[in-house]
Amino acid sequence: MVSRWARVKAGCAFALACVLPCAWTPGAFAADDGRWPVANDVVAAAWKQGIDGSGVKVAVLDSQAVEDYPALKDADITYRLGRFSGMDGNEVECKVGGRPLTATIKAGDDGYYSSHGTDMLSWIVGDGGNYTLDKAGMLGAAPKARILHITTMGTSATAATTLCDAKKLGDASSDNGADVRTAVDWGARIINRSQSGGLDDTDYAGYVDALRHGIIMVGARANDTTPGLDDLTGDPRSMETFPGVVMVNSVDESGTLASTSDVMDGNVAVLSYGANVLKPINYVAEGDNRVGNGGTSTAAAVLSSYLALAMQKWPDATGNQIIQSLIRNTKSGKGKPVIDPERKRGFGEVDLNALLTVDPTQYKDVNPILEYQMKAAAQYPALKDWYTQDCKTNPDGVGTAADNVPCEAGLIGREYERQQAAWKKVEQCRSDGGSDCMKYSATNTADGETNNTATPNGQAKPEGDPSQSASSGMPVWLWGVIGAGVAAIAAGVIIALVVSRRRRTRARIPVSGVAYGSVRSYPNGPVPSRPYSGGSQGSGGQAPPAEPGAGTAA
């Protein structure tokens, strides 16, 4: 199956940021020079109420950050180097240009004053600082959020990032699943990944663990105009289309799609702001920021900052309930999750005001994007078996060698079933007149037990030490695997591990750094015809066959 992994090249959906050094209130910043995603009345009103991201933990997986970047001087950021592995799955050192990759750099190192990772952090927690007072600096909507920045790659003078040195493909690649597990163990409520790229089958368990814990994963569509799939079916072979991930496309302040990604793509879930924004002209120019196209990367980071505000506003809401509100209450949603029938705009443009005024605890604790994808995929002959696989009976996955979906994708379908079953218990509890019925919900039973004291913020887990996560030679989810093959139980999900057939000699898929108009980064498999012909589609692009997220917590 090497041909698939060699074929799938990762691209980065790259971006940038904005704003001015000064007092912390959006009213102190101009909105007409690219700072409008934060310098607006809605963010100003939120900050006035003390809604600034305080207490919300956000993991950012991205390139090296400039640790002394002016806009980040007061931000609460923990930096750590991600995990890298070789073709055998064992941990290896990542070197760039012959030198070990470090989690951060300082301003001026090798001539760099910013980086892609720095910009993403600035869009979330930046305070408006810059190297010079006469140049606009970067500002984030959630300046008081707590950040874990996991470095997954190096940087370069342009918007492109730098991979590990390698004599051949797979010598040293980012271990995506392990890095996501690090974020889960740290207690992240949001994971922002402003990149697009491929996933290996060994990454799936980490992503499913994030789904189990109700963590909102925000991903960025590639900055290209290659059409995507016709429907929101997900694709587990790419990080931005992994089921349950909120994949964003970029629009400007008028809601117009960015020209670099104005194309049909059924896997787009939400539109956010990344066009006509302030950004560095490059990463070696000291503070020279100008208005331009920040791309889907910026759109993802802006959305993550908005979600952090919503999580602080609604501390009793789970991540799944926040996503329910996000897709129902877009600027075109009006309380219902209606997807664009042209499959260009997903469920619509994010509406921060609605996120902060509509109580999300009325919705069920099921990831609605995951729900839509499971129902949609089941309707296509080419996709219907993707999420129902079992590695014990079907170890080789489905599809051809050139376009194979690994059997581990079955973990995703089982997680969706777990979430649905958990919600039925919540509803039964309420029907019986019980109290504290949310203790049965999917998020509050993520670790396999009903927890009377679990909250979405704590998730009944102690805060992990990011320096200790995912550092062993095996992925952290691989428990005591010895011998030809065993079944491991991870947080209540049975993960069938047929070790004898493990594809460890295959190169891991790299996350590469191609800027602005990156290559298509997800498998170009069979594209289904227009969705739900024959009357199985609801009117106006409604989700099949029932609305995703139907049901309330009332």
Protein backbone atom coordinates (compact mmCIF):
# COMPACT_ATOMS: atom_id res chain seq x y z
CA MET A 1 0.00 0.00 0.00
CA VAL A 2 3.01 2.26 -0.30
CA SER A 3 1.55 3.93 -3.37
CA ARG A 4 -1.22 5.57 -1.37
CA TRP A 5 1.14 6.99 1.21
CA ALA A 6 3.53 8.17 -1.45
CA ARG A 7 0.65 9.74 -3.34
CA VAL A 8 -0.80 11.66 -0.44
CA LYS A 9 1.34 14.73 0.10
CA ALA A 10 0.53 17.12 2.89
CA GLY A 11 0.14 20.81 2.30
CA CYS A 12 -0.15 23.59 4.82
CA ALA A 13 -3.14 25.88 4.74
CA PHE A 14 -1.11 28.91 5.67
CA ALA A 15 -2.03 32.17 7.27
CA LEU A 16 -1.13 35.21 9.26
CA ALA A 17 -2.42 37.95 11.61
CA CYS A 18 -3.08 41.55 12.65
CA VAL A 19 -3.46 44.61 14.90
CA LEU A 20 -1.78 47.45 16.94
CA PRO A 21 0.13 47.71 20.22
CA CYS A 22 -1.89 49.51 22.89
CA ALA A 23 -4.62 49.07 25.46
CA TRP A 24 -6.57 45.81 25.50
CA THR A 25 -9.90 46.78 24.06
CA PRO A 26 -10.94 46.26 20.46
CA GLY A 27 -12.22 49.82 20.42
CA ALA A 28 -8.62 51.00 20.67
CA PHE A 29 -7.77 49.33 17.37
CA ALA A 30 -8.79 50.27 13.85
CA ALA A 31 -10.84 47.75 11.92
CA ASP A 32 -10.25 49.12 8.44
CA ASP A 33 -6.70 47.86 7.96
CA GLY A 34 -7.10 44.12 8.40
CA ARG A 35 -7.83 43.98 12.12
CA TRP A 36 -11.58 43.57 11.87
CA PRO A 37 -11.85 39.90 13.01
CA VAL A 38 -11.00 41.13 16.53
CA ALA A 39 -11.51 44.90 16.33
CA ASN A 40 -15.29 44.73 16.27
CA ASP A 41 -18.24 45.47 18.53
CA VAL A 42 -18.96 41.82 19.40
CA VAL A 43 -15.46 41.13 20.72
CA ALA A 44 -15.46 44.52 22.48
CA ALA A 45 -18.71 43.68 24.26
CA ALA A 46 -17.40 40.25 25.26
CA TRP A 47 -14.20 41.70 26.72
CA LYS A 48 -16.22 44.30 28.62
CA GLN A 49 -18.06 41.41 30.28
CA GLY A 50 -14.78 39.70 31.12
CA ILE A 51 -15.17 37.10 28.36
CA ASP A 52 -11.59 36.95 27.11
CA GLY A 53 -10.78 33.23 27.05
CA SER A 54 -9.84 33.04 30.72
CA GLY A 55 -9.55 29.46 31.94
CA VAL A 56 -9.94 27.87 28.50
CA LYS A 57 -7.11 25.60 27.36
CA VAL A 58 -6.23 25.63 23.67
CA ALA A 59 -3.59 23.44 22.02
CA VAL A 60 -1.96 24.81 18.87
CA LEU A 61 -0.09 22.31 16.68
CA ASP A 62 2.06 24.28 14.29
CA SER A 63 5.56 25.38 13.28
CA GLN A 64 8.22 26.83 15.58
CA ALA A 65 7.09 29.99 17.34
CA VAL A 66 9.17 33.08 18.09
CA GLU A 67 9.01 32.94 21.88
CA ASP A 68 9.82 36.63 22.43
CA TYR A 69 7.45 37.93 19.76
CA PRO A 70 6.08 41.25 21.06
CA ALA A 71 2.39 40.37 20.69
CA LEU A 72 2.88 37.26 22.85
CA LYS A 73 4.89 38.78 25.69
CA ASP A 74 2.09 38.46 28.28
CA ALA A 75 0.40 35.35 26.92
CA ASP A 76 0.17 32.14 28.97
CA ILE A 77 1.90 29.75 26.56
CA THR A 78 3.67 26.46 27.23
CA TYR A 79 5.96 25.42 24.38
CA ARG A 80 6.99 21.86 23.67
CA LEU A 81 8.44 19.89 20.80
CA GLY A 82 6.14 17.38 19.17
CA ARG A 83 6.92 13.72 18.70
CA PHE A 84 8.64 12.51 15.55
CA SER A 85 8.93 8.92 14.42
CA GLY A 86 10.64 6.90 11.76
CA MET A 87 9.31 4.23 9.44
CA ASP A 88 9.29 1.68 12.26
CA GLY A 89 7.14 3.89 14.49
CA ASN A 90 9.90 4.49 17.03
CA GLU A 91 10.66 8.00 18.19
CA VAL A 92 13.46 9.80 16.37
CA GLU A 93 15.08 13.21 16.56
CA CYS A 94 13.98 15.78 14.01
CA LYS A 95 16.81 17.79 12.52
CA VAL A 96 16.40 20.75 10.20
CA GLY A 97 19.43 21.90 8.28
CA GLY A 98 21.54 19.48 10.28
CA ARG A 99 20.50 20.94 13.65
CA PRO A 100 17.99 19.51 16.14
CA LEU A 101 14.58 21.11 15.80
CA THR A 102 13.66 23.16 18.87
CA ALA A 103 10.23 24.07 20.17
CA THR A 104 10.86 27.80 19.75
CA ILE A 105 13.28 30.32 18.32
CA LYS A 106 14.11 33.85 19.42
CA ALA A 107 13.59 36.97 17.36
CA GLY A 108 16.44 37.32 14.89
CA ASP A 109 17.54 33.68 15.01
CA ASP A 110 18.65 32.86 11.47
CA GLY A 111 17.05 36.16 10.49
CA TYR A 112 13.49 35.17 11.47
CA TYR A 113 11.19 37.56 13.32
CA SER A 114 7.94 35.67 12.90
CA SER A 115 6.65 32.30 11.73
CA HIS A 116 3.44 30.57 10.79
CA GLY A 117 3.07 29.20 14.30
CA THR A 118 3.71 32.64 15.78
CA ASP A 119 0.95 34.13 13.66
CA MET A 120 -1.56 31.48 14.69
CA LEU A 121 -0.80 32.08 18.36
CA SER A 122 -1.17 35.82 17.81
CA TRP A 123 -4.62 35.38 16.27
CA ILE A 124 -5.71 33.60 19.44
CA VAL A 125 -3.86 35.33 22.32
CA GLY A 126 -1.91 38.22 20.79
CA ASP A 127 -2.03 41.57 22.62
CA GLY A 128 -1.32 43.88 19.69
CA GLY A 129 2.41 44.35 20.24
CA ASN A 130 4.99 44.77 17.48
CA TYR A 131 8.72 45.36 17.11
CA THR A 132 8.13 48.99 16.14
CA LEU A 133 5.43 51.41 17.25
CA ASP A 134 4.70 52.63 13.74
CA LYS A 135 3.63 49.20 12.47
CA ALA A 136 0.39 47.38 13.25
CA GLY A 137 0.77 44.39 15.56
CA MET A 138 -1.18 41.19 16.05
CA LEU A 139 -4.23 40.77 18.29
CA GLY A 140 -6.23 37.72 19.34
CA ALA A 141 -9.85 37.56 20.50
CA ALA A 142 -9.03 35.28 23.48
CA PRO A 143 -5.91 36.87 25.03
CA LYS A 144 -6.37 35.17 28.41
CA ALA A 145 -6.69 31.61 27.12
CA ARG A 146 -4.06 29.09 28.21
CA ILE A 147 -2.04 27.72 25.31
CA LEU A 148 -0.02 24.57 24.72
CA HIS A 149 1.99 25.08 21.55
CA ILE A 150 3.28 21.81 20.08
CA THR A 151 5.95 22.31 17.44
CA THR A 152 5.44 19.93 14.53
CA MET A 153 7.84 21.48 12.00
CA GLY A 154 10.41 24.18 11.41
CA THR A 155 9.98 27.50 9.64
CA SER A 156 11.43 29.39 6.68
CA ALA A 157 11.56 32.93 5.34
CA THR A 158 8.23 32.69 3.53
CA ALA A 159 4.91 31.20 4.60
CA ALA A 160 6.27 27.72 3.88
CA THR A 161 7.44 25.54 6.74
CA THR A 162 10.34 23.14 6.88
CA LEU A 163 10.20 19.38 7.38
CA CYS A 164 12.75 17.25 9.14
CA ASP A 165 15.91 16.37 7.23
CA ALA A 166 15.53 12.95 5.65
CA LYS A 167 17.46 10.84 3.21
CA LYS A 168 14.23 9.16 2.21
CA LEU A 169 10.51 9.64 2.83
CA GLY A 170 9.55 8.67 6.36
CA ASP A 171 12.95 8.89 8.06
CA ALA A 172 11.53 11.47 10.47
CA SER A 173 7.92 12.61 10.34
CA SER A 174 5.57 14.32 12.75
CA ASP A 175 3.65 11.77 14.84
CA ASN A 176 0.25 13.38 14.48
CA GLY A 177 -1.74 11.01 16.64
CA ALA A 178 0.74 11.20 19.52
CA ASP A 179 0.70 15.01 19.40
CA VAL A 180 -3.09 15.04 19.59
CA ARG A 181 -2.93 12.68 22.57
CA THR A 182 -0.49 15.07 24.23
CA ALA A 183 -3.09 17.82 23.85
CA VAL A 184 -5.81 15.54 25.25
CA ASP A 185 -3.71 14.59 28.27
CA TRP A 186 -2.93 18.27 28.92
CA GLY A 187 -6.65 18.95 29.14
CA ALA A 188 -7.14 20.98 25.97
CA ARG A 189 -10.70 21.89 25.09
CA ILE A 190 -9.78 23.12 21.63
CA ILE A 191 -7.07 21.87 19.26
CA ASN A 192 -6.16 24.27 16.47
CA ARG A 193 -4.26 22.87 13.52
CA SER A 194 -3.89 25.42 10.73
CA GLN A 195 -2.38 22.83 8.44
CA SER A 196 -3.60 20.25 6.00
CA GLY A 197 -1.96 16.90 5.52
CA GLY A 198 -2.17 13.14 5.60
CA LEU A 199 -2.63 10.77 8.53
CA ASP A 200 -1.27 7.29 9.07
CA ASP A 201 -3.48 4.52 10.45
CA THR A 202 -1.49 4.68 13.70
CA ASP A 203 -2.72 8.27 14.18
CA TYR A 204 -6.40 7.39 14.33
CA ALA A 205 -6.60 6.36 17.99
CA GLY A 206 -5.24 9.75 19.10
CA TYR A 207 -7.86 11.61 17.09
CA VAL A 208 -10.63 9.34 18.34
CA ASP A 209 -9.49 9.99 21.91
CA ALA A 210 -9.99 13.71 21.28
CA LEU A 211 -13.50 12.99 19.98
CA ARG A 212 -14.22 10.91 23.10
CA HIS A 213 -13.37 13.81 25.35
CA GLY A 214 -15.46 16.33 23.46
CA ILE A 215 -12.45 18.33 22.35
CA ILE A 216 -13.16 20.66 19.45
CA MET A 217 -10.62 20.04 16.70
CA VAL A 218 -10.39 22.93 14.24
CA GLY A 219 -8.72 22.28 10.90
CA ALA A 220 -7.95 24.38 7.84
CA ARG A 221 -8.83 23.48 4.29
CA ALA A 222 -5.97 23.61 1.80
CA ASN A 223 -5.55 26.96 0.03
CA ASP A 224 -6.33 25.71 -3.44
CA THR A 225 -9.21 25.59 -5.91
CA THR A 226 -9.21 21.86 -6.54
CA PRO A 227 -12.77 20.61 -5.89
CA GLY A 228 -13.29 18.41 -2.87
CA LEU A 229 -15.82 15.64 -2.33
CA ASP A 230 -19.46 16.34 -3.03
CA ASP A 231 -20.63 15.77 0.52
CA LEU A 232 -19.67 16.06 4.17
CA THR A 233 -18.53 12.46 4.56
CA GLY A 234 -15.15 13.10 6.16
CA ASP A 235 -11.98 11.29 5.18
CA PRO A 236 -9.85 9.80 7.97
CA ARG A 237 -6.73 9.83 5.83
CA SER A 238 -6.28 13.58 6.25
CA MET A 239 -6.05 15.65 9.41
CA GLU A 240 -8.38 18.42 8.23
CA THR A 241 -11.08 16.00 7.00
CA PHE A 242 -10.87 13.51 9.86
CA PRO A 243 -14.47 12.89 10.99
CA GLY A 244 -15.62 15.30 13.67
CA VAL A 245 -13.02 17.94 12.83
CA VAL A 246 -14.42 21.41 12.15
CA MET A 247 -12.82 22.14 8.78
CA VAL A 248 -12.98 25.81 7.84
CA ASN A 249 -12.77 27.79 4.66
CA SER A 250 -11.85 31.47 4.54
CA VAL A 251 -14.00 34.53 3.88
CA ASP A 252 -13.56 38.29 4.12
CA GLU A 253 -15.63 40.68 6.23
CA SER A 254 -18.46 40.63 3.68
CA GLY A 255 -18.65 36.83 3.72
CA THR A 256 -17.07 36.43 0.28
CA LEU A 257 -14.92 33.32 -0.12
CA ALA A 258 -11.19 33.91 -0.52
CA SER A 259 -10.17 33.56 -4.16
CA THR A 260 -7.49 31.02 -3.22
CA SER A 261 -10.07 28.55 -1.88
CA ASP A 262 -13.31 29.51 -3.65
CA VAL A 263 -14.38 26.04 -4.73
CA MET A 264 -16.88 23.28 -4.00
CA ASP A 265 -15.75 21.13 -1.08
CA GLY A 266 -18.33 19.08 0.75
CA ASN A 267 -16.10 18.60 3.78
CA VAL A 268 -16.08 22.31 4.64
CA ALA A 269 -18.10 22.70 7.84
CA VAL A 270 -17.91 26.41 8.68
CA LEU A 271 -16.64 29.67 7.22
CA SER A 272 -14.36 31.91 9.26
CA TYR A 273 -12.28 35.01 8.68
CA GLY A 274 -8.94 34.94 6.89
CA ALA A 275 -9.22 37.14 3.79
CA ASN A 276 -8.38 40.85 3.74
CA VAL A 277 -6.54 40.67 7.05
CA LEU A 278 -3.22 41.93 8.34
CA LYS A 279 -0.27 39.58 7.88
CA PRO A 280 3.53 39.69 7.71
CA ILE A 281 4.89 40.17 4.21
CA ASN A 282 7.33 37.40 5.15
CA TYR A 283 9.00 36.00 8.26
CA VAL A 284 12.31 37.84 7.98
CA ALA A 285 10.78 41.32 7.78
CA GLU A 286 10.86 42.75 11.29
CA GLY A 287 7.25 43.66 12.03
CA ASP A 288 6.29 44.60 8.46
CA ASN A 289 2.63 43.60 8.39
CA ARG A 290 0.26 44.45 5.57
CA VAL A 291 -3.31 43.67 4.56
CA GLY A 292 -3.67 40.62 2.35
CA ASN A 293 -4.93 37.06 2.18
CA GLY A 294 -4.24 35.26 5.45
CA GLY A 295 -5.71 32.06 4.05
CA THR A 296 -7.57 29.27 5.75
CA SER A 297 -4.92 29.11 8.47
CA THR A 298 -5.97 32.50 9.79
CA ALA A 299 -9.61 31.49 9.45
CA ALA A 300 -9.00 28.43 11.64
CA ALA A 301 -7.15 30.37 14.33
CA VAL A 302 -9.81 33.09 14.43
CA LEU A 303 -12.50 30.44 14.82
CA SER A 304 -10.54 28.81 17.66
CA SER A 305 -10.36 32.15 19.46
CA TYR A 306 -14.12 32.62 19.11
CA LEU A 307 -14.76 29.12 20.42
CA ALA A 308 -12.57 29.87 23.44
CA LEU A 309 -14.80 32.85 24.23
CA ALA A 310 -17.89 30.66 23.91
CA MET A 311 -16.44 28.02 26.22
CA GLN A 312 -15.73 30.62 28.89
CA LYS A 313 -19.22 32.08 28.46
CA TRP A 314 -20.88 28.67 28.79
CA PRO A 315 -18.72 26.68 31.26
CA ASP A 316 -21.28 23.89 31.67
CA ALA A 317 -21.46 23.18 27.94
CA THR A 318 -19.48 20.32 26.45
CA GLY A 319 -17.37 20.77 23.35
CA ASN A 320 -19.95 18.85 21.33
CA GLN A 321 -22.69 21.20 22.49
CA ILE A 322 -20.57 24.20 21.47
CA ILE A 323 -20.17 22.68 17.99
CA GLN A 324 -23.93 22.11 17.88
CA SER A 325 -24.44 25.81 18.52
CA LEU A 326 -21.71 26.78 16.06
CA ILE A 327 -23.31 25.03 13.08
CA ARG A 328 -26.94 25.76 14.02
CA ASN A 329 -26.44 29.44 14.71
CA THR A 330 -24.32 30.58 11.80
CA LYS A 331 -25.25 33.83 10.08
CA SER A 332 -27.49 31.79 7.76
CA GLY A 333 -28.48 29.00 10.14
CA LYS A 334 -31.29 30.53 12.21
CA GLY A 335 -31.12 27.74 14.77
CA LYS A 336 -31.02 24.82 12.33
CA PRO A 337 -27.97 23.04 10.88
CA VAL A 338 -28.66 23.66 7.19
CA ILE A 339 -25.77 22.88 4.88
CA ASP A 340 -25.10 24.80 1.68
CA PRO A 341 -26.58 22.75 -1.21
CA GLU A 342 -23.72 23.93 -3.46
CA ARG A 343 -21.24 22.48 -0.94
CA LYS A 344 -19.04 25.59 -0.85
CA ARG A 345 -20.01 27.23 2.44
CA GLY A 346 -20.69 24.33 4.78
CA PHE A 347 -23.21 25.23 7.48
CA GLY A 348 -22.42 28.90 7.00
CA GLU A 349 -20.39 31.79 8.36
CA VAL A 350 -19.50 31.79 12.05
CA ASP A 351 -21.64 34.15 14.13
CA LEU A 352 -19.77 35.07 17.30
CA ASN A 353 -22.70 37.02 18.69
CA ALA A 354 -24.90 33.92 18.45
CA LEU A 355 -22.21 31.77 20.05
CA LEU A 356 -22.21 34.13 23.02
CA THR A 357 -25.98 34.58 23.35
CA VAL A 358 -27.56 31.21 22.51
CA ASP A 359 -27.26 28.71 25.37
CA PRO A 360 -25.63 25.57 23.91
CA THR A 361 -26.60 23.31 26.82
CA GLN A 362 -30.00 22.86 25.14
CA TYR A 363 -28.32 20.65 22.52
CA LYS A 364 -27.23 17.06 22.81
CA ASP A 365 -23.70 16.00 23.66
CA VAL A 366 -22.97 14.41 20.28
CA ASN A 367 -20.52 15.85 17.78
CA PRO A 368 -22.92 16.98 15.01
CA ILE A 369 -20.28 17.04 12.28
CA LEU A 370 -19.34 13.46 13.14
CA GLU A 371 -23.04 12.54 13.09
CA TYR A 372 -23.62 14.08 9.69
CA GLN A 373 -20.54 12.36 8.27
CA MET A 374 -21.48 8.92 9.57
CA LYS A 375 -24.99 9.20 8.09
CA ALA A 376 -23.78 10.65 4.80
CA ALA A 377 -20.98 8.12 4.22
CA ALA A 378 -23.41 5.26 4.82
CA GLN A 379 -25.39 6.32 1.75
CA TYR A 380 -22.56 5.92 -0.76
CA PRO A 381 -21.52 2.44 -1.94
CA ALA A 382 -17.86 3.49 -2.15
CA LEU A 383 -17.83 4.90 1.39
CA LYS A 384 -20.44 2.95 3.34
CA ASP A 385 -17.95 0.50 4.89
CA TRP A 386 -15.33 3.06 5.90
CA TYR A 387 -16.51 3.58 9.47
CA THR A 388 -17.91 0.13 10.22
CA GLN A 389 -14.66 -1.81 9.84
CA ASP A 390 -13.21 -4.17 12.42
CA CYS A 391 -9.48 -4.90 12.30
CA LYS A 392 -10.08 -8.36 13.77
CA THR A 393 -12.09 -9.46 10.74
CA ASN A 394 -10.87 -7.03 8.09
CA PRO A 395 -7.22 -6.20 8.86
CA ASP A 396 -6.39 -4.94 5.37
CA GLY A 397 -8.97 -2.15 5.27
CA VAL A 398 -11.29 -1.34 2.38
CA GLY A 399 -10.59 -0.09 -1.11
CA THR A 400 -7.77 -0.74 -3.51
CA ALA A 401 -4.09 -0.66 -2.66
CA ALA A 402 -3.89 2.75 -4.33
CA ASP A 403 -6.85 4.16 -2.40
CA ASN A 404 -7.13 2.22 0.83
CA VAL A 405 -8.97 3.26 3.99
CA PRO A 406 -7.34 1.47 6.95
CA CYS A 407 -9.42 -0.75 9.20
CA GLU A 408 -8.68 1.57 12.13
CA ALA A 409 -11.33 3.89 10.65
CA GLY A 410 -13.83 1.59 12.36
CA LEU A 411 -12.85 3.22 15.65
CA ILE A 412 -14.56 6.38 14.42
CA GLY A 413 -17.87 4.68 13.78
CA ARG A 414 -17.78 3.00 17.18
CA GLU A 415 -17.12 6.33 18.87
CA TYR A 416 -20.14 7.82 17.14
CA GLU A 417 -22.27 4.90 18.35
CA ARG A 418 -20.93 5.44 21.88
CA GLN A 419 -21.93 9.10 21.80
CA GLN A 420 -25.43 8.27 20.61
CA ALA A 421 -25.89 5.52 23.19
CA ALA A 422 -24.70 7.83 25.95
CA TRP A 423 -27.20 10.49 24.95
CA LYS A 424 -30.03 7.96 25.04
CA LYS A 425 -29.11 7.33 28.68
CA VAL A 426 -29.28 11.05 29.37
CA GLU A 427 -32.73 11.24 27.79
CA GLN A 428 -33.94 8.15 29.66
CA CYS A 429 -32.69 9.63 32.92
CA ARG A 430 -34.63 12.81 32.26
CA SER A 431 -37.71 10.86 31.24
CA ASP A 432 -37.52 9.02 34.56
CA GLY A 433 -37.32 12.30 36.45
CA GLY A 434 -33.69 11.85 37.39
CA SER A 435 -31.27 14.59 38.34
CA ASP A 436 -27.78 15.38 37.11
CA CYS A 437 -28.53 13.34 34.01
CA MET A 438 -25.62 14.83 32.06
CA LYS A 439 -23.35 12.56 34.07
CA TYR A 440 -24.29 9.88 31.53
CA SER A 441 -23.32 11.95 28.48
CA ALA A 442 -20.52 10.97 26.12
CA THR A 443 -18.10 13.64 27.32
CA ASN A 444 -18.69 12.87 30.98
CA THR A 445 -18.18 9.14 30.43
CA ALA A 446 -15.14 9.54 28.19
CA ASP A 447 -12.95 7.60 30.57
CA GLY A 448 -15.35 4.71 30.81
CA GLU A 449 -17.17 5.52 34.03
CA THR A 450 -20.13 7.67 34.96
CA ASN A 451 -18.69 10.65 36.78
CA ASN A 452 -20.94 12.72 39.01
CA THR A 453 -18.37 15.49 39.30
CA ALA A 454 -17.08 15.57 35.75
CA THR A 455 -17.24 18.90 33.97
CA PRO A 456 -16.37 19.79 30.40
CA ASN A 457 -13.48 21.89 31.67
CA GLY A 458 -11.87 19.25 33.83
CA GLN A 459 -13.21 16.15 32.09
CA ALA A 460 -12.45 14.21 35.29
CA LYS A 461 -8.80 14.02 34.30
CA PRO A 462 -5.81 15.55 36.05
CA GLU A 463 -3.82 18.00 34.01
CA GLY A 464 -1.06 16.17 32.22
CA ASP A 465 2.56 17.25 32.07
CA PRO A 466 3.14 17.98 28.39
CA SER A 467 6.81 17.22 28.81
CA GLN A 468 5.94 13.62 29.67
CA SER A 469 3.26 12.90 27.07
CA ALA A 470 3.88 10.81 24.00
CA SER A 471 7.59 10.46 24.65
CA SER A 472 8.01 6.72 24.57
CA GLY A 473 9.08 4.67 21.61
CA MET A 474 5.47 3.57 21.05
CA PRO A 475 2.38 5.73 20.64
CA VAL A 476 0.89 6.41 24.08
CA TRP A 477 -2.28 4.49 23.24
CA LEU A 478 -0.39 1.26 22.55
CA TRP A 479 -0.69 -0.49 25.93
CA GLY A 480 1.63 -3.36 26.62
CA VAL A 481 1.51 -4.85 23.17
CA ILE A 482 3.78 -7.89 23.03
CA GLY A 483 3.62 -10.82 20.66
CA ALA A 484 1.99 -11.39 17.32
CA GLY A 485 -1.25 -9.55 18.02
CA VAL A 486 -3.53 -8.57 20.89
CA ALA A 487 -6.62 -6.52 21.53
CA ALA A 488 -6.17 -3.44 23.70
CA ILE A 489 -8.97 -1.66 25.50
CA ALA A 490 -8.43 2.12 25.51
CA ALA A 491 -10.97 4.17 27.48
CA GLY A 492 -13.69 1.64 26.85
CA VAL A 493 -13.10 1.30 23.10
CA ILE A 494 -11.73 -2.04 21.95
CA ILE A 495 -8.89 -1.33 19.56
CA ALA A 496 -8.09 -4.39 17.51
CA LEU A 497 -4.35 -4.42 17.03
CA VAL A 498 -3.18 -7.09 14.64
CA VAL A 499 0.48 -6.47 15.32
CA SER A 500 1.75 -9.03 12.85
CA ARG A 501 0.26 -7.07 9.97
CA ARG A 502 1.17 -3.60 11.32
CA ARG A 503 2.40 -1.47 8.47
CA ARG A 504 5.50 -0.23 10.26
CA THR A 505 7.78 -0.47 7.27
CA ARG A 506 5.70 2.08 5.44
CA ALA A 507 6.72 5.71 5.50
CA ARG A 508 4.64 7.95 7.72
CA ILE A 509 2.85 10.69 5.84
CA PRO A 510 4.65 14.01 6.25
CA VAL A 511 3.13 17.37 7.00
CA SER A 512 4.83 19.58 4.47
CA GLY A 513 4.87 23.31 4.14
CA VAL A 514 3.52 24.64 0.90
CA ALA A 515 2.22 28.18 1.30
CA TYR A 516 -0.66 30.08 -0.24
CA GLY A 517 -2.35 27.84 -2.74
CA SER A 518 -1.01 24.62 -1.32
CA VAL A 519 -1.29 21.29 -3.05
CA ARG A 520 -4.40 19.23 -2.56
CA SER A 521 -3.71 17.44 0.66
CA TYR A 522 -6.39 14.80 0.90
CA PRO A 523 -6.80 11.63 -1.12
CA ASN A 524 -8.37 12.14 -4.51
CA GLY A 525 -10.51 9.06 -4.27
CA PRO A 526 -13.82 8.34 -5.98
CA VAL A 527 -16.05 11.39 -5.79
CA PRO A 528 -19.70 10.50 -5.20
CA SER A 529 -22.39 11.98 -7.40
CA ARG A 530 -24.48 14.83 -6.04
CA PRO A 531 -25.69 13.76 -2.60
CA TYR A 532 -28.90 12.03 -1.65
CA SER A 533 -30.63 11.60 -4.97
CA GLY A 534 -33.95 9.83 -4.95
CA GLY A 535 -35.50 11.83 -2.16
CA SER A 536 -33.19 10.86 0.68
CA GLN A 537 -31.92 14.39 1.08
CA GLY A 538 -33.85 16.88 3.16
CA SER A 539 -34.97 20.08 1.51
CA GLY A 540 -32.58 22.97 1.23
CA GLY A 541 -29.50 20.90 1.92
CA GLN A 542 -30.79 19.56 5.23
CA ALA A 543 -28.81 16.79 6.83
CA PRO A 544 -29.73 13.17 6.04
CA PRO A 545 -32.05 11.59 7.05
CA ALA A 546 -32.51 13.44 10.33
CA GLU A 547 -30.88 16.67 11.40
CA PRO A 548 -27.44 16.20 12.93
CA GLY A 549 -27.69 17.04 16.57
CA ALA A 550 -31.46 16.78 16.77
CA GLY A 551 -32.62 16.62 20.34
CA THR A 552 -32.32 19.01 23.24
CA ALA A 553 -31.03 19.04 26.74
CA ALA A 554 -34.14 20.71 28.05
